[in-house]
Each structure stands twice: as structure tokens, then as C-alpha cells.
Amino acid sequence: MICKVKKAIFLLLFFVIGLPLASQNIAIKNNVLYDLTTTLNFGVEARFAPQWTAEISGNYNPFAFRENTKWKHWMVQPEVRYWFCESFNRHFVGFHLMGGVFNMSNIDVPIVLVPTEKGRRYEGEMFGAGLSYGFHHILTPRLSLEYSIGLGWLHSEYKKYQCPRCGSLLETGSKDAFGLTKAAVSVVYMLDLSKKK
């Protein structure tokens, strides 16, 4: 199952990466919600039809904090969107895939990826797919704000270790869950690559 999901993500990645070459409008974006969690992130979205765009975003968190508390991870999330009005204007719905790797410890909050437990370390990989809804609010011809939320399926395969820094392997496991797959408040900068007459 994981191999099929990986193949689907890579196919969609190649599709999305190739779009900007033929597109006239490209959006560069940063998700402020990820910034608040110390996660570095960057996204690119390109129009390929009047009401269709494709986006690829990635995020990376390499940081560890006191008592080796960490939520280290990287993730890639490609998405195809349909806009009700026109691309990069007002309401849209989307379909996204996601995949990544995580290494977290000393986290005692309900995360759907693994059954977290204070004083333990979890590392593994995750994959998923979901549907999203969003709104693109134009501020100036170049600058916008975008809000989106997504729900879908997540699958993780993980190893649980005895302590946050080291320790022996306690168990391996996997988990499937339905839940939040996307949450974004993004600052968007628009590029216009169309040829001027």
C-alpha cells in the first residue's frame, strides 16, 4: 500500500513541477501557521487552465528544544485545485496527497500519526490524501492572503523507543486515521510570467 501511495505522490510531483514551464501565473507562498511551529516551509502554485491550478508545498523542521523535545520532520504535499470563479481568486476546492518522515520525542499531545507518550521517541514515515477547501483574498495585484483546511486519511508506520535521546526499541507499529491533513494561513506573492506586448 505504501509503495502505491509513494508512486502516486511522485507522479503528481512530476506533473506539478512541469506546470510552471507552461504557466503564465505562478504564486509563491509561505504558511504562517507552520512558521509558528518553527517549521520552515515554501510553496509554489501554477495555473494550467482558467479555473485549475496545481500546487506543491514542502516543509522541514530540524529543531530540538529543552529536554530533547522535538517534532523533527519533512513533508511534501502536492495538490490540484478547482476555483469556482477564476484561478487565484476567491473560493476553491482541492485534492492533495502528502508524504514525509518524522522523528518526535517528549510530546504529550494527541497527534493522529502515532500514539504519543511523554518520555518516548517515535520515528517513522507517513502518507495520506485528502480534500481541502480554501479562500484566496487579494490584497494588491501581487500580494494575497490564502486560507485553507483539509480533511482526509493518514497512514503512519513508526518505531517507538524507550527514551527521547537514545534507548532501546520498544515496539513497531502502524496507524490509520481520518483527520486534519491540511491547515494553512498563507502569505502569497504572485508572479506574472506572461509576455508583455
C-alpha atoms as a PDB file:
ATOM      1  CA  MET A   1       0.000   0.000   0.000  1.00  0.00           C
ATOM      2  CA  ILE A   2       2.768   2.444   0.936  1.00  0.00           C
ATOM      3  CA  CYS A   3       4.579   1.788  -2.353  1.00  0.00           C
ATOM      4  CA  LYS A   4       1.412   2.685  -4.297  1.00  0.00           C
ATOM      5  CA  VAL A   5       0.990   5.910  -2.319  1.00  0.00           C
ATOM      6  CA  LYS A   6       4.665   6.813  -2.869  1.00  0.00           C
ATOM      7  CA  LYS A   7       4.298   6.242  -6.619  1.00  0.00           C
ATOM      8  CA  ALA A   8       1.151   8.393  -6.740  1.00  0.00           C
ATOM      9  CA  ILE A   9       2.919  11.222  -4.859  1.00  0.00           C
ATOM     10  CA  PHE A  10       5.936  11.108  -7.193  1.00  0.00           C
ATOM     11  CA  LEU A  11       3.717  11.129 -10.307  1.00  0.00           C
ATOM     12  CA  LEU A  12       1.776  14.123  -9.033  1.00  0.00           C
ATOM     13  CA  LEU A  13       5.064  15.842  -8.100  1.00  0.00           C
ATOM     14  CA  PHE A  14       6.404  15.495 -11.649  1.00  0.00           C
ATOM     15  CA  PHE A  15       3.098  16.807 -13.013  1.00  0.00           C
ATOM     16  CA  VAL A  16       3.102  19.826 -10.687  1.00  0.00           C
ATOM     17  CA  ILE A  17       6.796  20.615 -11.235  1.00  0.00           C
ATOM     18  CA  GLY A  18       6.296  20.643 -15.019  1.00  0.00           C
ATOM     19  CA  LEU A  19       3.353  23.050 -14.925  1.00  0.00           C
ATOM     20  CA  PRO A  20       5.208  26.314 -14.231  1.00  0.00           C
ATOM     21  CA  LEU A  21       7.098  25.922 -17.508  1.00  0.00           C
ATOM     22  CA  ALA A  22       3.880  26.460 -19.453  1.00  0.00           C
ATOM     23  CA  SER A  23       2.061  28.677 -16.981  1.00  0.00           C
ATOM     24  CA  GLN A  24       1.615  32.437 -17.085  1.00  0.00           C
ATOM     25  CA  ASN A  25       0.724  32.892 -13.420  1.00  0.00           C
ATOM     26  CA  ILE A  26       2.726  31.489 -10.545  1.00  0.00           C
ATOM     27  CA  ALA A  27       2.156  32.010  -6.820  1.00  0.00           C
ATOM     28  CA  ILE A  28       4.906  31.739  -4.226  1.00  0.00           C
ATOM     29  CA  LYS A  29       3.637  31.190  -0.713  1.00  0.00           C
ATOM     30  CA  ASN A  30       4.543  30.781   2.949  1.00  0.00           C
ATOM     31  CA  ASN A  31       2.256  29.191   5.544  1.00  0.00           C
ATOM     32  CA  VAL A  32       2.294  31.345   8.687  1.00  0.00           C
ATOM     33  CA  LEU A  33       0.810  28.526  10.807  1.00  0.00           C
ATOM     34  CA  TYR A  34       3.847  26.346  10.053  1.00  0.00           C
ATOM     35  CA  ASP A  35       6.123  29.289  10.888  1.00  0.00           C
ATOM     36  CA  LEU A  36       4.537  29.417  14.359  1.00  0.00           C
ATOM     37  CA  THR A  37       5.629  25.798  14.947  1.00  0.00           C
ATOM     38  CA  THR A  38       9.236  26.638  13.877  1.00  0.00           C
ATOM     39  CA  THR A  39       8.685  24.699  10.653  1.00  0.00           C
ATOM     40  CA  LEU A  40      10.369  26.116   7.551  1.00  0.00           C
ATOM     41  CA  ASN A  41       8.019  25.980   4.568  1.00  0.00           C
ATOM     42  CA  PHE A  42       7.665  27.056   0.957  1.00  0.00           C
ATOM     43  CA  GLY A  43       5.007  26.529  -1.702  1.00  0.00           C
ATOM     44  CA  VAL A  44       4.603  27.147  -5.429  1.00  0.00           C
ATOM     45  CA  GLU A  45       1.308  27.125  -7.307  1.00  0.00           C
ATOM     46  CA  ALA A  46       0.781  27.390 -11.059  1.00  0.00           C
ATOM     47  CA  ARG A  47      -2.289  27.864 -13.237  1.00  0.00           C
ATOM     48  CA  PHE A  48      -2.761  25.322 -16.027  1.00  0.00           C
ATOM     49  CA  ALA A  49      -6.355  26.195 -17.029  1.00  0.00           C
ATOM     50  CA  PRO A  50      -8.659  29.176 -16.324  1.00  0.00           C
ATOM     51  CA  GLN A  51     -10.148  27.511 -13.217  1.00  0.00           C
ATOM     52  CA  TRP A  52      -7.461  24.923 -12.397  1.00  0.00           C
ATOM     53  CA  THR A  53      -4.137  25.205 -10.574  1.00  0.00           C
ATOM     54  CA  ALA A  54      -1.590  22.803  -9.146  1.00  0.00           C
ATOM     55  CA  GLU A  55       0.417  23.439  -6.008  1.00  0.00           C
ATOM     56  CA  ILE A  56       3.382  21.791  -4.366  1.00  0.00           C
ATOM     57  CA  SER A  57       4.470  22.704  -0.864  1.00  0.00           C
ATOM     58  CA  GLY A  58       7.156  21.402   1.392  1.00  0.00           C
ATOM     59  CA  ASN A  59       8.099  21.893   4.996  1.00  0.00           C
ATOM     60  CA  TYR A  60      11.035  20.977   7.179  1.00  0.00           C
ATOM     61  CA  ASN A  61      11.619  21.157  10.918  1.00  0.00           C
ATOM     62  CA  PRO A  62      15.181  20.305  12.068  1.00  0.00           C
ATOM     63  CA  PHE A  63      14.930  21.734  15.599  1.00  0.00           C
ATOM     64  CA  ALA A  64      15.182  20.139  19.045  1.00  0.00           C
ATOM     65  CA  PHE A  65      14.332  22.007  22.262  1.00  0.00           C
ATOM     66  CA  ARG A  66      14.696  21.572  26.034  1.00  0.00           C
ATOM     67  CA  GLU A  67      14.828  18.013  27.346  1.00  0.00           C
ATOM     68  CA  ASN A  68      15.159  16.828  23.733  1.00  0.00           C
ATOM     69  CA  THR A  69      11.581  17.827  22.952  1.00  0.00           C
ATOM     70  CA  LYS A  70      11.283  17.742  19.172  1.00  0.00           C
ATOM     71  CA  TRP A  71       8.939  17.343  16.258  1.00  0.00           C
ATOM     72  CA  LYS A  72      11.545  16.960  13.537  1.00  0.00           C
ATOM     73  CA  HIS A  73      10.086  16.172  10.159  1.00  0.00           C
ATOM     74  CA  TRP A  74       9.968  16.899   6.466  1.00  0.00           C
ATOM     75  CA  MET A  75       6.865  16.648   4.326  1.00  0.00           C
ATOM     76  CA  VAL A  76       5.831  17.243   0.721  1.00  0.00           C
ATOM     77  CA  GLN A  77       2.219  17.991  -0.200  1.00  0.00           C
ATOM     78  CA  PRO A  78       1.129  18.299  -3.857  1.00  0.00           C
ATOM     79  CA  GLU A  79      -2.421  19.495  -4.575  1.00  0.00           C
ATOM     80  CA  VAL A  80      -4.686  20.067  -7.570  1.00  0.00           C
ATOM     81  CA  ARG A  81      -7.314  22.818  -7.151  1.00  0.00           C
ATOM     82  CA  TYR A  82     -10.539  23.826  -8.845  1.00  0.00           C
ATOM     83  CA  TRP A  83     -11.519  27.502  -8.481  1.00  0.00           C
ATOM     84  CA  PHE A  84     -15.207  28.467  -8.581  1.00  0.00           C
ATOM     85  CA  CYS A  85     -14.575  31.922 -10.060  1.00  0.00           C
ATOM     86  CA  GLU A  86     -11.148  32.052 -11.685  1.00  0.00           C
ATOM     87  CA  SER A  87      -7.723  30.839 -10.618  1.00  0.00           C
ATOM     88  CA  PHE A  88      -6.206  32.685  -7.660  1.00  0.00           C
ATOM     89  CA  ASN A  89      -9.488  34.437  -6.847  1.00  0.00           C
ATOM     90  CA  ARG A  90     -11.915  33.614  -4.024  1.00  0.00           C
ATOM     91  CA  HIS A  91     -13.158  30.062  -3.265  1.00  0.00           C
ATOM     92  CA  PHE A  92     -11.554  26.766  -4.286  1.00  0.00           C
ATOM     93  CA  VAL A  93     -11.650  23.047  -3.522  1.00  0.00           C
ATOM     94  CA  GLY A  94      -8.693  20.731  -3.868  1.00  0.00           C
ATOM     95  CA  PHE A  95      -7.385  17.187  -3.727  1.00  0.00           C
ATOM     96  CA  HIS A  96      -3.994  16.656  -2.091  1.00  0.00           C
ATOM     97  CA  LEU A  97      -1.521  13.906  -1.335  1.00  0.00           C
ATOM     98  CA  MET A  98       1.114  14.045   1.344  1.00  0.00           C
ATOM     99  CA  GLY A  99       4.186  12.124   2.396  1.00  0.00           C
ATOM    100  CA  GLY A 100       7.037  12.594   4.814  1.00  0.00           C
ATOM    101  CA  VAL A 101       9.307  11.385   7.591  1.00  0.00           C
ATOM    102  CA  PHE A 102       9.167  12.265  11.297  1.00  0.00           C
ATOM    103  CA  ASN A 103      11.280  11.955  14.466  1.00  0.00           C
ATOM    104  CA  MET A 104       9.484  13.235  17.561  1.00  0.00           C
ATOM    105  CA  SER A 105      10.015  12.932  21.287  1.00  0.00           C
ATOM    106  CA  ASN A 106       8.706  14.258  24.608  1.00  0.00           C
ATOM    107  CA  ILE A 107       5.426  15.282  23.009  1.00  0.00           C
ATOM    108  CA  ASP A 108       2.311  14.606  25.052  1.00  0.00           C
ATOM    109  CA  VAL A 109      -0.398  15.936  22.759  1.00  0.00           C
ATOM    110  CA  PRO A 110      -2.884  13.988  20.662  1.00  0.00           C
ATOM    111  CA  ILE A 111      -1.250  13.617  17.255  1.00  0.00           C
ATOM    112  CA  VAL A 112      -3.061  11.297  14.875  1.00  0.00           C
ATOM    113  CA  LEU A 113       0.202   9.927  13.404  1.00  0.00           C
ATOM    114  CA  VAL A 114       1.320   7.950  16.455  1.00  0.00           C
ATOM    115  CA  PRO A 115       0.048   7.226  19.969  1.00  0.00           C
ATOM    116  CA  THR A 116       2.339   9.825  21.577  1.00  0.00           C
ATOM    117  CA  GLU A 117       3.615   9.318  25.096  1.00  0.00           C
ATOM    118  CA  LYS A 118       5.770  11.657  27.204  1.00  0.00           C
ATOM    119  CA  GLY A 119       9.303  10.363  27.648  1.00  0.00           C
ATOM    120  CA  ARG A 120       9.257   8.267  24.466  1.00  0.00           C
ATOM    121  CA  ARG A 121      10.657   8.818  20.979  1.00  0.00           C
ATOM    122  CA  TYR A 122       8.869   7.953  17.738  1.00  0.00           C
ATOM    123  CA  GLU A 123      10.328   7.891  14.271  1.00  0.00           C
ATOM    124  CA  GLY A 124       8.852   6.742  11.015  1.00  0.00           C
ATOM    125  CA  GLU A 125       7.116   7.795   7.840  1.00  0.00           C
ATOM    126  CA  MET A 126       3.624   8.909   6.932  1.00  0.00           C
ATOM    127  CA  PHE A 127       1.456   9.169   3.844  1.00  0.00           C
ATOM    128  CA  GLY A 128      -2.034  10.403   3.186  1.00  0.00           C
ATOM    129  CA  ALA A 129      -4.607  12.005   0.936  1.00  0.00           C
ATOM    130  CA  GLY A 130      -7.398  14.473   1.491  1.00  0.00           C
ATOM    131  CA  LEU A 131      -9.849  17.060   0.229  1.00  0.00           C
ATOM    132  CA  SER A 132      -9.477  20.735   1.002  1.00  0.00           C
ATOM    133  CA  TYR A 133     -11.447  23.946   0.874  1.00  0.00           C
ATOM    134  CA  GLY A 134      -9.972  27.428   0.795  1.00  0.00           C
ATOM    135  CA  PHE A 135     -10.339  31.101   0.058  1.00  0.00           C
ATOM    136  CA  HIS A 136      -7.850  33.397  -1.694  1.00  0.00           C
ATOM    137  CA  HIS A 137      -8.132  37.036  -0.617  1.00  0.00           C
ATOM    138  CA  ILE A 138      -6.461  39.516  -2.997  1.00  0.00           C
ATOM    139  CA  LEU A 139      -4.824  42.466  -1.209  1.00  0.00           C
ATOM    140  CA  THR A 140      -2.887  44.013  -4.121  1.00  0.00           C
ATOM    141  CA  PRO A 141      -2.163  42.802  -7.680  1.00  0.00           C
ATOM    142  CA  ARG A 142       0.910  40.985  -6.316  1.00  0.00           C
ATOM    143  CA  LEU A 143       0.085  40.214  -2.665  1.00  0.00           C
ATOM    144  CA  SER A 144      -2.660  37.986  -1.263  1.00  0.00           C
ATOM    145  CA  LEU A 145      -3.712  36.026   1.787  1.00  0.00           C
ATOM    146  CA  GLU A 146      -4.957  32.466   1.477  1.00  0.00           C
ATOM    147  CA  TYR A 147      -6.823  30.312   3.981  1.00  0.00           C
ATOM    148  CA  SER A 148      -7.312  26.574   3.547  1.00  0.00           C
ATOM    149  CA  ILE A 149      -8.211  23.500   5.547  1.00  0.00           C
ATOM    150  CA  GLY A 150      -8.226  19.853   4.563  1.00  0.00           C
ATOM    151  CA  LEU A 151      -9.547  16.560   5.888  1.00  0.00           C
ATOM    152  CA  GLY A 152      -8.556  13.085   4.825  1.00  0.00           C
ATOM    153  CA  TRP A 153      -6.794   9.813   5.530  1.00  0.00           C
ATOM    154  CA  LEU A 154      -3.385   9.441   7.170  1.00  0.00           C
ATOM    155  CA  HIS A 155      -1.239   6.319   7.463  1.00  0.00           C
ATOM    156  CA  SER A 156       1.922   6.108   9.545  1.00  0.00           C
ATOM    157  CA  GLU A 157       4.472   3.401  10.204  1.00  0.00           C
ATOM    158  CA  TYR A 158       6.616   4.081  13.251  1.00  0.00           C
ATOM    159  CA  LYS A 159       9.172   2.751  15.730  1.00  0.00           C
ATOM    160  CA  LYS A 160       8.803   3.551  19.421  1.00  0.00           C
ATOM    161  CA  TYR A 161      11.968   3.983  21.529  1.00  0.00           C
ATOM    162  CA  GLN A 162      12.449   3.938  25.285  1.00  0.00           C
ATOM    163  CA  CYS A 163      13.755   7.488  25.785  1.00  0.00           C
ATOM    164  CA  PRO A 164      13.894  10.778  23.848  1.00  0.00           C
ATOM    165  CA  ARG A 165      17.630  10.723  23.101  1.00  0.00           C
ATOM    166  CA  CYS A 166      18.562   7.058  22.938  1.00  0.00           C
ATOM    167  CA  GLY A 167      17.128   3.869  24.349  1.00  0.00           C
ATOM    168  CA  SER A 168      16.155   0.505  23.027  1.00  0.00           C
ATOM    169  CA  LEU A 169      13.396  -0.184  20.553  1.00  0.00           C
ATOM    170  CA  LEU A 170      10.157  -0.913  22.408  1.00  0.00           C
ATOM    171  CA  GLU A 171       7.811  -1.651  19.523  1.00  0.00           C
ATOM    172  CA  THR A 172       6.982  -1.058  15.898  1.00  0.00           C
ATOM    173  CA  GLY A 173       3.530  -0.206  14.700  1.00  0.00           C
ATOM    174  CA  SER A 174       1.305   1.420  12.156  1.00  0.00           C
ATOM    175  CA  LYS A 175      -1.754   3.586  12.410  1.00  0.00           C
ATOM    176  CA  ASP A 176      -4.523   4.712  10.068  1.00  0.00           C
ATOM    177  CA  ALA A 177      -6.640   7.705  10.953  1.00  0.00           C
ATOM    178  CA  PHE A 178      -9.113  10.151   9.472  1.00  0.00           C
ATOM    179  CA  GLY A 179      -8.491  13.745  10.424  1.00  0.00           C
ATOM    180  CA  LEU A 180      -6.911  17.090   9.633  1.00  0.00           C
ATOM    181  CA  THR A 181      -4.485  16.790   6.697  1.00  0.00           C
ATOM    182  CA  LYS A 182      -4.001  20.480   5.961  1.00  0.00           C
ATOM    183  CA  ALA A 183      -4.266  23.837   7.735  1.00  0.00           C
ATOM    184  CA  ALA A 184      -2.860  26.993   6.204  1.00  0.00           C
ATOM    185  CA  VAL A 185      -2.920  30.749   6.529  1.00  0.00           C
ATOM    186  CA  SER A 186      -0.526  31.713   3.758  1.00  0.00           C
ATOM    187  CA  VAL A 187       1.046  34.919   2.551  1.00  0.00           C
ATOM    188  CA  VAL A 188       1.070  34.726  -1.270  1.00  0.00           C
ATOM    189  CA  TYR A 189       3.185  36.653  -3.765  1.00  0.00           C
ATOM    190  CA  MET A 190       2.049  36.482  -7.399  1.00  0.00           C
ATOM    191  CA  LEU A 191       4.440  36.347 -10.349  1.00  0.00           C
ATOM    192  CA  ASP A 192       3.202  37.128 -13.867  1.00  0.00           C
ATOM    193  CA  LEU A 193       5.384  35.468 -16.461  1.00  0.00           C
ATOM    194  CA  SER A 194       3.189  36.322 -19.433  1.00  0.00           C
ATOM    195  CA  LYS A 195       4.934  38.020 -22.354  1.00  0.00           C
ATOM    196  CA  LYS A 196       4.226  41.742 -22.454  1.00  0.00           C
ATOM    197  CA  LYS A 197       3.404  43.276 -25.807  1.00  0.00           C
END
